[in-house]
């Protein structure tokens, strides 16, 4: 799917990267298999699982695994009895080498009552840690770190932000599933994230 163009008279190779939502209702394995010869890479947004209206983890590990496995599932092949004397089609190759697991380099600071929140980058995260001196907790279901703090007039906050441990688990998941990774977005994460790559 790489295309050539020109920049200042020099040929330039271009690649097509398609960013996919994490919802299997919108895009599934069949679509990936049909598009794989026209696209260089697919980035699946395995983050933003929660939102200010429904506060919680950003990228639960089991959910990320399920999303990627759904996308790597080939479409069903016609059964031999559906054929008119022709042999069954060959098994489709998996586009796993083209699939990139999206890793968030940012976190979220949620207010719990009333629900709300905003995105947190590394600089803001470090300021929150200094100001509130919280105890980091491990969400065993999502396999992510979070902490809680109180601000203003007793407003309870919960902050989910990637940690070295959570990033390492997601990198291991990508390796287990035979896919690559894409970072969203450079400059938003802690320096230690890049050391893990």
N, C-alpha and C. Protein backbone atom coordinates (compact mmCIF):
# COMPACT_ATOMS: atom_id res chain seq x y z
N UNK A 1 0.82 -1.19 0.00
CA UNK A 1 0.00 0.00 0.00
C UNK A 1 0.85 1.25 0.00
N UNK A 2 2.16 1.09 0.11
CA UNK A 2 3.03 2.26 0.08
C UNK A 2 2.92 2.94 -1.27
N UNK A 3 2.86 4.25 -1.27
CA UNK A 3 2.74 5.02 -2.50
C UNK A 3 3.91 5.98 -2.57
N UNK A 4 4.25 6.37 -3.79
CA UNK A 4 5.34 7.32 -3.96
C UNK A 4 4.78 8.67 -4.32
N UNK A 5 5.41 9.69 -3.82
CA UNK A 5 5.07 11.06 -4.16
C UNK A 5 6.37 11.81 -4.37
N UNK A 6 6.30 13.12 -4.49
CA UNK A 6 7.51 13.90 -4.66
C UNK A 6 7.55 15.02 -3.65
N UNK A 7 8.73 15.24 -3.11
CA UNK A 7 8.97 16.35 -2.20
C UNK A 7 10.25 17.03 -2.67
N UNK A 8 10.12 18.22 -3.20
CA UNK A 8 11.30 18.92 -3.70
C UNK A 8 11.96 18.17 -4.84
N UNK A 9 11.19 17.50 -5.65
CA UNK A 9 11.72 16.77 -6.79
C UNK A 9 12.22 15.38 -6.47
N UNK A 10 12.32 15.03 -5.18
CA UNK A 10 12.78 13.70 -4.77
C UNK A 10 11.60 12.78 -4.52
N UNK A 11 11.69 11.52 -4.96
CA UNK A 11 10.58 10.60 -4.66
C UNK A 11 10.50 10.32 -3.15
N UNK A 12 9.29 10.28 -2.67
CA UNK A 12 9.04 10.02 -1.25
C UNK A 12 8.08 8.85 -1.14
N UNK A 13 8.44 7.87 -0.30
CA UNK A 13 7.53 6.75 -0.09
C UNK A 13 6.55 7.10 1.02
N UNK A 14 5.29 6.84 0.78
CA UNK A 14 4.26 7.12 1.77
C UNK A 14 3.61 5.81 2.19
N UNK A 15 3.15 5.80 3.43
CA UNK A 15 2.45 4.62 3.93
C UNK A 15 1.07 5.03 4.41
N UNK A 16 0.12 4.14 4.24
CA UNK A 16 -1.23 4.39 4.70
C UNK A 16 -1.44 3.66 6.03
N UNK A 17 -1.75 4.45 7.08
CA UNK A 17 -2.01 3.91 8.41
C UNK A 17 -3.47 4.22 8.72
N UNK A 18 -4.23 3.18 8.99
CA UNK A 18 -5.65 3.34 9.30
C UNK A 18 -5.85 3.15 10.80
N UNK A 19 -6.40 4.17 11.45
CA UNK A 19 -6.66 4.10 12.89
C UNK A 19 -8.07 3.55 13.09
N UNK A 20 -8.16 2.50 13.90
CA UNK A 20 -9.43 1.80 14.10
C UNK A 20 -9.99 2.04 15.50
N UNK A 21 -11.29 2.21 15.60
CA UNK A 21 -11.90 2.27 16.93
C UNK A 21 -11.82 0.90 17.58
N UNK A 22 -11.96 0.86 18.87
CA UNK A 22 -11.87 -0.42 19.58
C UNK A 22 -13.18 -1.20 19.57
N UNK A 23 -14.21 -0.65 19.01
CA UNK A 23 -15.53 -1.30 19.03
C UNK A 23 -15.66 -2.31 17.91
N UNK A 24 -15.93 -3.56 18.27
CA UNK A 24 -16.13 -4.63 17.28
C UNK A 24 -17.42 -4.40 16.50
N UNK A 25 -18.29 -3.54 17.00
CA UNK A 25 -19.52 -3.23 16.28
C UNK A 25 -19.23 -2.38 15.05
N UNK A 26 -18.10 -1.67 15.06
CA UNK A 26 -17.75 -0.80 13.94
C UNK A 26 -16.80 -1.46 12.96
N UNK A 27 -15.80 -2.15 13.48
CA UNK A 27 -14.78 -2.80 12.65
C UNK A 27 -14.45 -4.14 13.26
N UNK A 28 -14.38 -5.16 12.43
CA UNK A 28 -14.04 -6.50 12.92
C UNK A 28 -12.98 -7.14 12.07
N UNK A 29 -12.75 -8.42 12.33
CA UNK A 29 -11.72 -9.15 11.62
C UNK A 29 -11.97 -9.23 10.12
N UNK A 30 -13.22 -9.32 9.71
CA UNK A 30 -13.52 -9.41 8.28
C UNK A 30 -13.05 -8.17 7.54
N UNK A 31 -13.32 -7.00 8.12
CA UNK A 31 -12.91 -5.75 7.47
C UNK A 31 -11.38 -5.66 7.36
N UNK A 32 -10.68 -6.07 8.42
CA UNK A 32 -9.22 -6.04 8.37
C UNK A 32 -8.68 -6.94 7.28
N UNK A 33 -9.25 -8.13 7.18
CA UNK A 33 -8.77 -9.08 6.17
C UNK A 33 -9.02 -8.57 4.76
N UNK A 34 -10.12 -7.86 4.56
CA UNK A 34 -10.41 -7.34 3.23
C UNK A 34 -9.57 -6.11 2.89
N UNK A 35 -9.16 -5.34 3.91
CA UNK A 35 -8.40 -4.12 3.68
C UNK A 35 -6.89 -4.32 3.74
N UNK A 36 -6.42 -5.45 4.23
CA UNK A 36 -5.00 -5.61 4.54
C UNK A 36 -4.07 -5.42 3.35
N UNK A 37 -4.52 -5.66 2.15
CA UNK A 37 -3.66 -5.46 0.98
C UNK A 37 -3.63 -4.00 0.53
N UNK A 38 -4.51 -3.17 1.07
CA UNK A 38 -4.60 -1.76 0.68
C UNK A 38 -4.03 -0.82 1.74
N UNK A 39 -3.72 -1.36 2.91
CA UNK A 39 -3.27 -0.55 4.05
C UNK A 39 -1.94 -1.10 4.54
N UNK A 40 -1.03 -0.19 4.93
CA UNK A 40 0.25 -0.64 5.46
C UNK A 40 0.15 -1.07 6.92
N UNK A 41 -0.53 -0.27 7.74
CA UNK A 41 -0.68 -0.59 9.15
C UNK A 41 -2.07 -0.20 9.63
N UNK A 42 -2.54 -0.95 10.63
CA UNK A 42 -3.78 -0.64 11.34
C UNK A 42 -3.40 -0.35 12.79
N UNK A 43 -3.83 0.79 13.30
CA UNK A 43 -3.62 1.11 14.72
C UNK A 43 -4.97 0.95 15.41
N UNK A 44 -5.05 0.06 16.39
CA UNK A 44 -6.31 -0.12 17.11
C UNK A 44 -6.24 0.68 18.41
N UNK A 45 -7.25 1.48 18.63
CA UNK A 45 -7.31 2.38 19.78
C UNK A 45 -7.72 1.61 21.04
N UNK A 46 -6.76 0.88 21.60
CA UNK A 46 -7.03 0.11 22.82
C UNK A 46 -6.77 0.98 24.05
N UNK A 47 -7.46 2.09 24.07
CA UNK A 47 -7.43 3.03 25.19
C UNK A 47 -8.74 3.81 25.14
N UNK A 48 -8.95 4.68 26.11
CA UNK A 48 -10.21 5.43 26.25
C UNK A 48 -11.40 4.50 26.48
N UNK A 49 -11.16 3.44 27.24
CA UNK A 49 -12.21 2.51 27.63
C UNK A 49 -13.27 3.23 28.48
N UNK A 50 -12.80 4.11 29.35
CA UNK A 50 -13.69 4.87 30.22
C UNK A 50 -13.74 6.32 29.76
N UNK A 51 -14.64 7.09 30.35
CA UNK A 51 -14.77 8.51 30.01
C UNK A 51 -15.30 9.26 31.22
N UNK A 52 -15.34 10.59 31.17
CA UNK A 52 -15.80 11.35 32.34
C UNK A 52 -17.20 10.99 32.82
N UNK A 53 -18.07 10.55 31.94
CA UNK A 53 -19.41 10.16 32.35
C UNK A 53 -19.44 8.78 32.99
N UNK A 54 -18.42 7.98 32.71
CA UNK A 54 -18.32 6.63 33.25
C UNK A 54 -16.86 6.41 33.67
N UNK A 55 -16.42 7.04 34.77
CA UNK A 55 -15.01 6.99 35.17
C UNK A 55 -14.51 5.56 35.43
N UNK A 56 -13.26 5.32 35.06
CA UNK A 56 -12.65 4.03 35.30
C UNK A 56 -11.34 3.90 34.58
N UNK A 57 -10.83 2.69 34.46
CA UNK A 57 -9.53 2.47 33.83
C UNK A 57 -9.51 2.88 32.37
N UNK A 58 -8.32 3.19 31.89
CA UNK A 58 -8.18 3.66 30.53
C UNK A 58 -8.03 2.55 29.51
N UNK A 59 -7.41 1.44 29.92
CA UNK A 59 -7.12 0.38 28.96
C UNK A 59 -7.03 -0.97 29.67
N UNK A 60 -8.16 -1.52 30.11
CA UNK A 60 -8.09 -2.82 30.79
C UNK A 60 -7.41 -3.87 29.90
N UNK A 61 -6.50 -4.61 30.49
CA UNK A 61 -5.69 -5.56 29.72
C UNK A 61 -6.54 -6.64 29.05
N UNK A 62 -7.49 -7.23 29.77
CA UNK A 62 -8.33 -8.28 29.18
C UNK A 62 -9.16 -7.73 28.02
N UNK A 63 -9.64 -6.51 28.16
CA UNK A 63 -10.40 -5.86 27.09
C UNK A 63 -9.52 -5.65 25.86
N UNK A 64 -8.28 -5.16 26.08
CA UNK A 64 -7.35 -4.95 24.96
C UNK A 64 -7.09 -6.26 24.24
N UNK A 65 -6.88 -7.33 24.99
CA UNK A 65 -6.64 -8.65 24.40
C UNK A 65 -7.85 -9.07 23.55
N UNK A 66 -9.05 -8.90 24.08
CA UNK A 66 -10.26 -9.29 23.35
C UNK A 66 -10.43 -8.48 22.07
N UNK A 67 -10.15 -7.19 22.13
CA UNK A 67 -10.28 -6.33 20.94
C UNK A 67 -9.33 -6.80 19.85
N UNK A 68 -8.07 -7.04 20.21
CA UNK A 68 -7.08 -7.47 19.21
C UNK A 68 -7.43 -8.85 18.65
N UNK A 69 -7.81 -9.76 19.52
CA UNK A 69 -8.18 -11.11 19.03
C UNK A 69 -9.36 -11.04 18.07
N UNK A 70 -10.33 -10.18 18.35
CA UNK A 70 -11.47 -10.01 17.44
C UNK A 70 -11.00 -9.53 16.08
N UNK A 71 -10.08 -8.57 16.08
CA UNK A 71 -9.59 -8.03 14.82
C UNK A 71 -8.74 -9.03 14.04
N UNK A 72 -8.11 -9.95 14.73
CA UNK A 72 -7.27 -10.95 14.06
C UNK A 72 -8.05 -12.19 13.63
N UNK A 73 -9.32 -12.25 13.99
CA UNK A 73 -10.16 -13.40 13.61
C UNK A 73 -10.57 -13.25 12.16
N UNK A 74 -10.19 -14.22 11.32
CA UNK A 74 -10.56 -14.11 9.90
C UNK A 74 -12.05 -14.30 9.70
N UNK A 75 -12.56 -13.78 8.60
CA UNK A 75 -13.98 -14.00 8.32
C UNK A 75 -14.24 -15.48 8.10
N UNK A 76 -15.47 -15.93 8.34
CA UNK A 76 -15.76 -17.35 8.13
C UNK A 76 -15.63 -17.71 6.66
N UNK A 77 -15.09 -18.88 6.43
CA UNK A 77 -14.96 -19.38 5.06
C UNK A 77 -16.22 -20.15 4.68
N UNK A 78 -16.57 -20.11 3.41
CA UNK A 78 -17.73 -20.92 3.00
C UNK A 78 -17.43 -22.39 3.23
N UNK A 79 -18.43 -23.14 3.64
CA UNK A 79 -18.22 -24.57 3.86
C UNK A 79 -18.15 -25.28 2.51
N UNK A 80 -17.45 -26.43 2.45
CA UNK A 80 -17.30 -27.14 1.17
C UNK A 80 -18.64 -27.46 0.51
N UNK A 81 -19.67 -27.70 1.32
CA UNK A 81 -20.95 -28.04 0.69
C UNK A 81 -21.59 -26.82 0.01
N UNK A 82 -21.11 -25.60 0.35
CA UNK A 82 -21.62 -24.41 -0.30
C UNK A 82 -20.96 -24.20 -1.66
N UNK A 83 -19.91 -24.92 -1.92
CA UNK A 83 -19.16 -24.76 -3.16
C UNK A 83 -19.85 -25.52 -4.29
N UNK A 84 -19.59 -25.08 -5.47
CA UNK A 84 -20.15 -25.76 -6.64
C UNK A 84 -19.04 -26.54 -7.35
N UNK A 85 -18.52 -27.52 -6.63
CA UNK A 85 -17.48 -28.36 -7.23
C UNK A 85 -16.09 -27.78 -7.11
N UNK A 86 -15.95 -26.56 -6.64
CA UNK A 86 -14.62 -25.95 -6.48
C UNK A 86 -14.06 -26.31 -5.11
N UNK A 87 -12.74 -26.43 -5.01
CA UNK A 87 -12.15 -26.73 -3.70
C UNK A 87 -12.37 -25.54 -2.76
N UNK A 88 -12.37 -25.78 -1.44
CA UNK A 88 -12.54 -24.67 -0.50
C UNK A 88 -11.42 -23.65 -0.67
N UNK A 89 -11.72 -22.38 -0.42
CA UNK A 89 -10.67 -21.36 -0.56
C UNK A 89 -9.58 -21.56 0.48
N UNK A 90 -8.37 -21.08 0.21
CA UNK A 90 -7.29 -21.22 1.19
C UNK A 90 -7.59 -20.38 2.43
N UNK A 91 -7.03 -20.81 3.56
CA UNK A 91 -7.20 -20.05 4.80
C UNK A 91 -6.54 -18.68 4.62
N UNK A 92 -7.23 -17.63 5.04
CA UNK A 92 -6.69 -16.29 4.92
C UNK A 92 -5.55 -16.09 5.91
N UNK A 93 -4.52 -15.37 5.47
CA UNK A 93 -3.42 -15.05 6.38
C UNK A 93 -3.86 -13.95 7.33
N UNK A 94 -3.36 -14.01 8.53
CA UNK A 94 -3.70 -13.01 9.54
C UNK A 94 -2.92 -11.73 9.27
N UNK A 95 -3.57 -10.56 9.45
CA UNK A 95 -2.86 -9.29 9.27
C UNK A 95 -2.11 -8.85 10.53
N UNK A 96 -1.69 -9.81 11.39
CA UNK A 96 -1.09 -9.45 12.67
C UNK A 96 0.16 -8.58 12.51
N UNK A 97 0.94 -8.79 11.45
CA UNK A 97 2.15 -7.99 11.25
C UNK A 97 1.82 -6.55 10.93
N UNK A 98 0.59 -6.29 10.52
CA UNK A 98 0.18 -4.93 10.18
C UNK A 98 -0.57 -4.26 11.33
N UNK A 99 -0.94 -5.03 12.35
CA UNK A 99 -1.76 -4.48 13.43
C UNK A 99 -0.88 -3.92 14.54
N UNK A 100 -1.20 -2.71 14.99
CA UNK A 100 -0.46 -2.05 16.06
C UNK A 100 -1.40 -1.80 17.23
N UNK A 101 -1.02 -2.30 18.39
CA UNK A 101 -1.78 -2.11 19.63
C UNK A 101 -1.52 -0.69 20.12
N UNK A 102 -2.58 0.11 20.24
CA UNK A 102 -2.43 1.48 20.70
C UNK A 102 -2.18 1.54 22.19
N UNK A 103 -1.12 2.22 22.59
CA UNK A 103 -0.78 2.40 24.01
C UNK A 103 -0.93 3.87 24.36
N UNK A 104 -1.76 4.17 25.35
CA UNK A 104 -1.91 5.55 25.79
C UNK A 104 -0.72 5.96 26.65
N UNK A 105 -0.20 7.12 26.37
CA UNK A 105 0.89 7.68 27.16
C UNK A 105 0.37 8.74 28.13
N UNK A 106 -0.93 8.89 28.19
CA UNK A 106 -1.58 9.87 29.06
C UNK A 106 -2.50 9.13 30.02
N UNK A 107 -3.04 9.85 30.97
CA UNK A 107 -4.00 9.27 31.90
C UNK A 107 -5.23 10.14 32.01
N UNK A 108 -6.05 9.84 32.99
CA UNK A 108 -7.27 10.61 33.22
C UNK A 108 -7.44 10.90 34.70
N UNK A 109 -7.87 12.11 34.99
CA UNK A 109 -8.18 12.54 36.34
C UNK A 109 -9.69 12.71 36.40
N UNK A 110 -10.36 11.77 37.06
CA UNK A 110 -11.82 11.78 37.13
C UNK A 110 -12.31 12.31 38.47
N UNK A 111 -13.40 13.08 38.43
CA UNK A 111 -14.13 13.40 39.65
C UNK A 111 -15.21 12.33 39.76
N UNK A 112 -15.45 11.85 40.97
CA UNK A 112 -16.38 10.74 41.13
C UNK A 112 -17.81 11.20 41.38
N UNK A 113 -18.02 12.31 42.08
CA UNK A 113 -19.37 12.84 42.34
C UNK A 113 -19.35 14.34 42.22
N UNK A 114 -19.96 14.93 41.25
CA UNK A 114 -20.58 14.32 40.08
C UNK A 114 -19.50 13.82 39.13
N UNK A 115 -19.84 12.85 38.26
CA UNK A 115 -18.85 12.32 37.32
C UNK A 115 -18.33 13.42 36.38
N UNK A 116 -17.05 13.40 36.15
CA UNK A 116 -16.41 14.35 35.24
C UNK A 116 -14.94 14.02 35.17
N UNK A 117 -14.19 14.83 34.46
CA UNK A 117 -12.76 14.58 34.42
C UNK A 117 -12.08 15.19 33.23
N UNK A 118 -10.77 14.98 33.19
CA UNK A 118 -9.96 15.51 32.10
C UNK A 118 -8.72 14.65 31.92
N UNK A 119 -8.05 14.86 30.80
CA UNK A 119 -6.83 14.14 30.46
C UNK A 119 -5.66 14.68 31.29
N UNK A 120 -4.73 13.79 31.64
CA UNK A 120 -3.55 14.15 32.41
C UNK A 120 -2.31 13.69 31.65
N UNK A 121 -1.37 14.61 31.41
CA UNK A 121 -0.10 14.25 30.79
C UNK A 121 0.95 14.09 31.89
N UNK A 122 2.16 13.71 31.51
CA UNK A 122 3.22 13.42 32.49
C UNK A 122 3.48 14.59 33.43
N UNK A 123 3.56 15.80 32.91
CA UNK A 123 3.86 16.96 33.74
C UNK A 123 2.77 17.17 34.79
N UNK A 124 1.51 17.08 34.37
CA UNK A 124 0.39 17.24 35.30
C UNK A 124 0.35 16.10 36.32
N UNK A 125 0.65 14.90 35.86
CA UNK A 125 0.65 13.72 36.74
C UNK A 125 1.70 13.90 37.84
N UNK A 126 2.89 14.32 37.46
CA UNK A 126 3.95 14.51 38.45
C UNK A 126 3.59 15.60 39.45
N UNK A 127 2.91 16.67 38.99
CA UNK A 127 2.46 17.73 39.91
C UNK A 127 1.42 17.18 40.89
N UNK A 128 0.50 16.36 40.40
CA UNK A 128 -0.51 15.76 41.28
C UNK A 128 0.13 14.86 42.32
N UNK A 129 1.13 14.08 41.91
CA UNK A 129 1.82 13.20 42.86
C UNK A 129 2.50 14.01 43.96
N UNK A 130 3.17 15.10 43.57
CA UNK A 130 3.85 15.95 44.57
C UNK A 130 2.86 16.60 45.51
N UNK A 131 1.76 17.10 44.96
CA UNK A 131 0.80 17.86 45.77
C UNK A 131 0.01 16.97 46.72
N UNK A 132 -0.40 15.79 46.24
CA UNK A 132 -1.31 14.97 47.06
C UNK A 132 -0.62 13.82 47.78
N UNK A 133 0.61 13.49 47.37
CA UNK A 133 1.37 12.38 47.98
C UNK A 133 0.48 11.15 48.21
N UNK A 134 -0.15 10.67 47.14
CA UNK A 134 -1.10 9.57 47.28
C UNK A 134 -0.42 8.21 47.37
N UNK A 135 -1.21 7.23 47.72
CA UNK A 135 -0.76 5.84 47.69
C UNK A 135 -1.22 5.25 46.36
N UNK A 136 -0.28 4.78 45.55
CA UNK A 136 -0.66 4.15 44.28
C UNK A 136 -1.31 2.81 44.57
N UNK A 137 -2.39 2.54 43.86
CA UNK A 137 -3.10 1.27 44.01
C UNK A 137 -3.12 0.56 42.67
N UNK A 138 -3.21 -0.76 42.75
CA UNK A 138 -3.23 -1.59 41.54
C UNK A 138 -4.63 -2.13 41.33
N UNK A 139 -5.22 -1.81 40.19
CA UNK A 139 -6.53 -2.34 39.82
C UNK A 139 -6.29 -3.72 39.20
N UNK A 140 -6.60 -4.78 39.96
CA UNK A 140 -6.29 -6.14 39.50
C UNK A 140 -7.14 -6.56 38.30
N UNK A 141 -8.32 -5.99 38.14
CA UNK A 141 -9.15 -6.33 36.98
C UNK A 141 -8.62 -5.68 35.71
N UNK A 142 -8.29 -4.41 35.78
CA UNK A 142 -7.82 -3.68 34.60
C UNK A 142 -6.32 -3.83 34.39
N UNK A 143 -5.59 -4.17 35.46
CA UNK A 143 -4.14 -4.25 35.47
C UNK A 143 -3.54 -2.89 35.12
N UNK A 144 -3.99 -1.89 35.89
CA UNK A 144 -3.53 -0.51 35.78
C UNK A 144 -3.40 0.09 37.18
N UNK A 145 -2.49 1.06 37.30
CA UNK A 145 -2.36 1.80 38.56
C UNK A 145 -3.32 2.98 38.58
N UNK A 146 -3.73 3.34 39.79
CA UNK A 146 -4.54 4.54 39.99
C UNK A 146 -4.28 5.06 41.40
N UNK A 147 -4.71 6.28 41.65
CA UNK A 147 -4.70 6.81 43.00
C UNK A 147 -5.87 7.75 43.17
N UNK A 148 -6.18 8.03 44.41
CA UNK A 148 -7.29 8.93 44.73
C UNK A 148 -6.76 10.10 45.56
N UNK A 149 -7.42 11.24 45.40
CA UNK A 149 -7.08 12.41 46.22
C UNK A 149 -8.33 13.28 46.35
N UNK A 150 -8.31 14.16 47.31
CA UNK A 150 -9.42 15.07 47.54
C UNK A 150 -8.96 16.48 47.20
N UNK A 151 -9.79 17.19 46.45
CA UNK A 151 -9.47 18.57 46.06
C UNK A 151 -10.63 19.48 46.43
N UNK A 152 -10.32 20.76 46.55
CA UNK A 152 -11.35 21.77 46.79
C UNK A 152 -12.24 21.44 47.97
N UNK A 153 -13.52 21.51 47.73
CA UNK A 153 -14.51 21.29 48.79
C UNK A 153 -14.87 19.81 48.90
N UNK A 154 -13.87 19.02 49.25
CA UNK A 154 -14.04 17.58 49.47
C UNK A 154 -14.50 16.87 48.19
N UNK A 155 -13.93 17.27 47.06
CA UNK A 155 -14.24 16.65 45.78
C UNK A 155 -13.28 15.47 45.56
N UNK A 156 -13.83 14.26 45.55
CA UNK A 156 -13.02 13.05 45.40
C UNK A 156 -12.62 12.86 43.94
N UNK A 157 -11.33 12.64 43.72
CA UNK A 157 -10.78 12.39 42.39
C UNK A 157 -10.15 11.00 42.36
N UNK A 158 -10.18 10.38 41.20
CA UNK A 158 -9.46 9.13 40.96
C UNK A 158 -8.68 9.32 39.66
N UNK A 159 -7.37 9.07 39.73
CA UNK A 159 -6.49 9.26 38.58
C UNK A 159 -5.98 7.91 38.10
N UNK A 160 -6.23 7.62 36.85
CA UNK A 160 -5.66 6.44 36.19
C UNK A 160 -4.56 6.95 35.27
N UNK A 161 -3.37 6.39 35.43
CA UNK A 161 -2.24 6.82 34.60
C UNK A 161 -1.34 5.61 34.38
N UNK A 162 -0.82 5.42 33.16
CA UNK A 162 0.03 4.26 32.92
C UNK A 162 1.27 4.27 33.82
N UNK A 163 1.70 3.10 34.19
CA UNK A 163 2.91 2.94 35.00
C UNK A 163 3.86 2.02 34.24
N UNK A 164 5.08 1.92 34.72
CA UNK A 164 6.02 1.00 34.10
C UNK A 164 5.47 -0.42 34.05
N UNK A 165 4.81 -0.83 35.12
CA UNK A 165 4.24 -2.18 35.18
C UNK A 165 3.12 -2.36 34.16
N UNK A 166 2.21 -1.38 34.06
CA UNK A 166 1.09 -1.53 33.12
C UNK A 166 1.57 -1.47 31.67
N UNK A 167 2.55 -0.61 31.39
CA UNK A 167 3.09 -0.53 30.03
C UNK A 167 3.80 -1.84 29.68
N UNK A 168 4.58 -2.38 30.61
CA UNK A 168 5.28 -3.64 30.36
C UNK A 168 4.30 -4.77 30.07
N UNK A 169 3.17 -4.81 30.79
CA UNK A 169 2.16 -5.85 30.54
C UNK A 169 1.55 -5.71 29.14
N UNK A 170 1.34 -4.49 28.70
CA UNK A 170 0.77 -4.27 27.37
C UNK A 170 1.78 -4.58 26.27
N UNK A 171 3.04 -4.30 26.52
CA UNK A 171 4.07 -4.69 25.55
C UNK A 171 4.17 -6.22 25.46
N UNK A 172 4.05 -6.90 26.60
CA UNK A 172 4.06 -8.36 26.60
C UNK A 172 2.84 -8.90 25.85
N UNK A 173 1.69 -8.25 26.01
CA UNK A 173 0.49 -8.66 25.28
C UNK A 173 0.70 -8.53 23.78
N UNK A 174 1.29 -7.42 23.34
CA UNK A 174 1.55 -7.24 21.91
C UNK A 174 2.46 -8.35 21.39
N UNK A 175 3.48 -8.69 22.16
CA UNK A 175 4.40 -9.75 21.76
C UNK A 175 3.67 -11.10 21.71
N UNK A 176 2.85 -11.37 22.72
CA UNK A 176 2.07 -12.61 22.78
C UNK A 176 1.17 -12.76 21.56
N UNK A 177 0.55 -11.67 21.13
CA UNK A 177 -0.39 -11.72 20.02
C UNK A 177 0.27 -11.52 18.66
N UNK A 178 1.58 -11.23 18.66
CA UNK A 178 2.30 -11.07 17.40
C UNK A 178 1.99 -9.77 16.68
N UNK A 179 1.68 -8.72 17.45
CA UNK A 179 1.37 -7.42 16.84
C UNK A 179 2.41 -6.40 17.31
N UNK A 180 2.43 -5.26 16.65
CA UNK A 180 3.31 -4.17 17.06
C UNK A 180 2.60 -3.23 18.01
N UNK A 181 3.23 -2.09 18.28
CA UNK A 181 2.62 -1.08 19.15
C UNK A 181 2.69 0.29 18.49
N UNK A 182 1.74 1.13 18.86
CA UNK A 182 1.72 2.54 18.45
C UNK A 182 1.48 3.35 19.71
N UNK A 183 2.20 4.43 19.88
CA UNK A 183 2.09 5.26 21.08
C UNK A 183 1.19 6.46 20.81
N UNK A 184 0.27 6.71 21.74
CA UNK A 184 -0.56 7.91 21.66
C UNK A 184 -0.39 8.66 22.96
N UNK A 185 0.29 9.65 23.03
CA UNK A 185 1.00 10.33 21.98
C UNK A 185 2.35 10.69 22.53
N UNK A 186 3.36 10.74 21.67
CA UNK A 186 4.72 11.05 22.12
C UNK A 186 4.75 12.37 22.87
N UNK A 187 5.51 12.40 23.94
CA UNK A 187 5.63 13.62 24.74
C UNK A 187 4.65 13.70 25.89
N UNK A 188 3.65 12.83 25.92
CA UNK A 188 2.66 12.87 27.00
C UNK A 188 3.01 11.95 28.15
N UNK A 189 3.90 11.00 27.91
CA UNK A 189 4.18 9.98 28.92
C UNK A 189 5.43 10.25 29.72
N UNK A 190 5.62 9.42 30.74
CA UNK A 190 6.82 9.48 31.56
C UNK A 190 8.01 8.94 30.78
N UNK A 191 9.19 9.44 31.08
CA UNK A 191 10.40 9.01 30.37
C UNK A 191 10.60 7.49 30.47
N UNK A 192 10.24 6.90 31.61
CA UNK A 192 10.46 5.46 31.78
C UNK A 192 9.71 4.61 30.76
N UNK A 193 8.61 5.15 30.19
CA UNK A 193 7.85 4.38 29.19
C UNK A 193 8.74 4.08 27.98
N UNK A 194 9.51 5.07 27.58
CA UNK A 194 10.32 4.91 26.37
C UNK A 194 11.49 3.95 26.60
N UNK A 195 11.93 3.86 27.84
CA UNK A 195 12.99 2.90 28.18
C UNK A 195 12.51 1.46 28.07
N UNK A 196 11.20 1.25 28.19
CA UNK A 196 10.64 -0.11 28.11
C UNK A 196 10.52 -0.61 26.68
N UNK A 197 10.53 0.31 25.73
CA UNK A 197 10.32 -0.08 24.33
C UNK A 197 11.51 -0.78 23.72
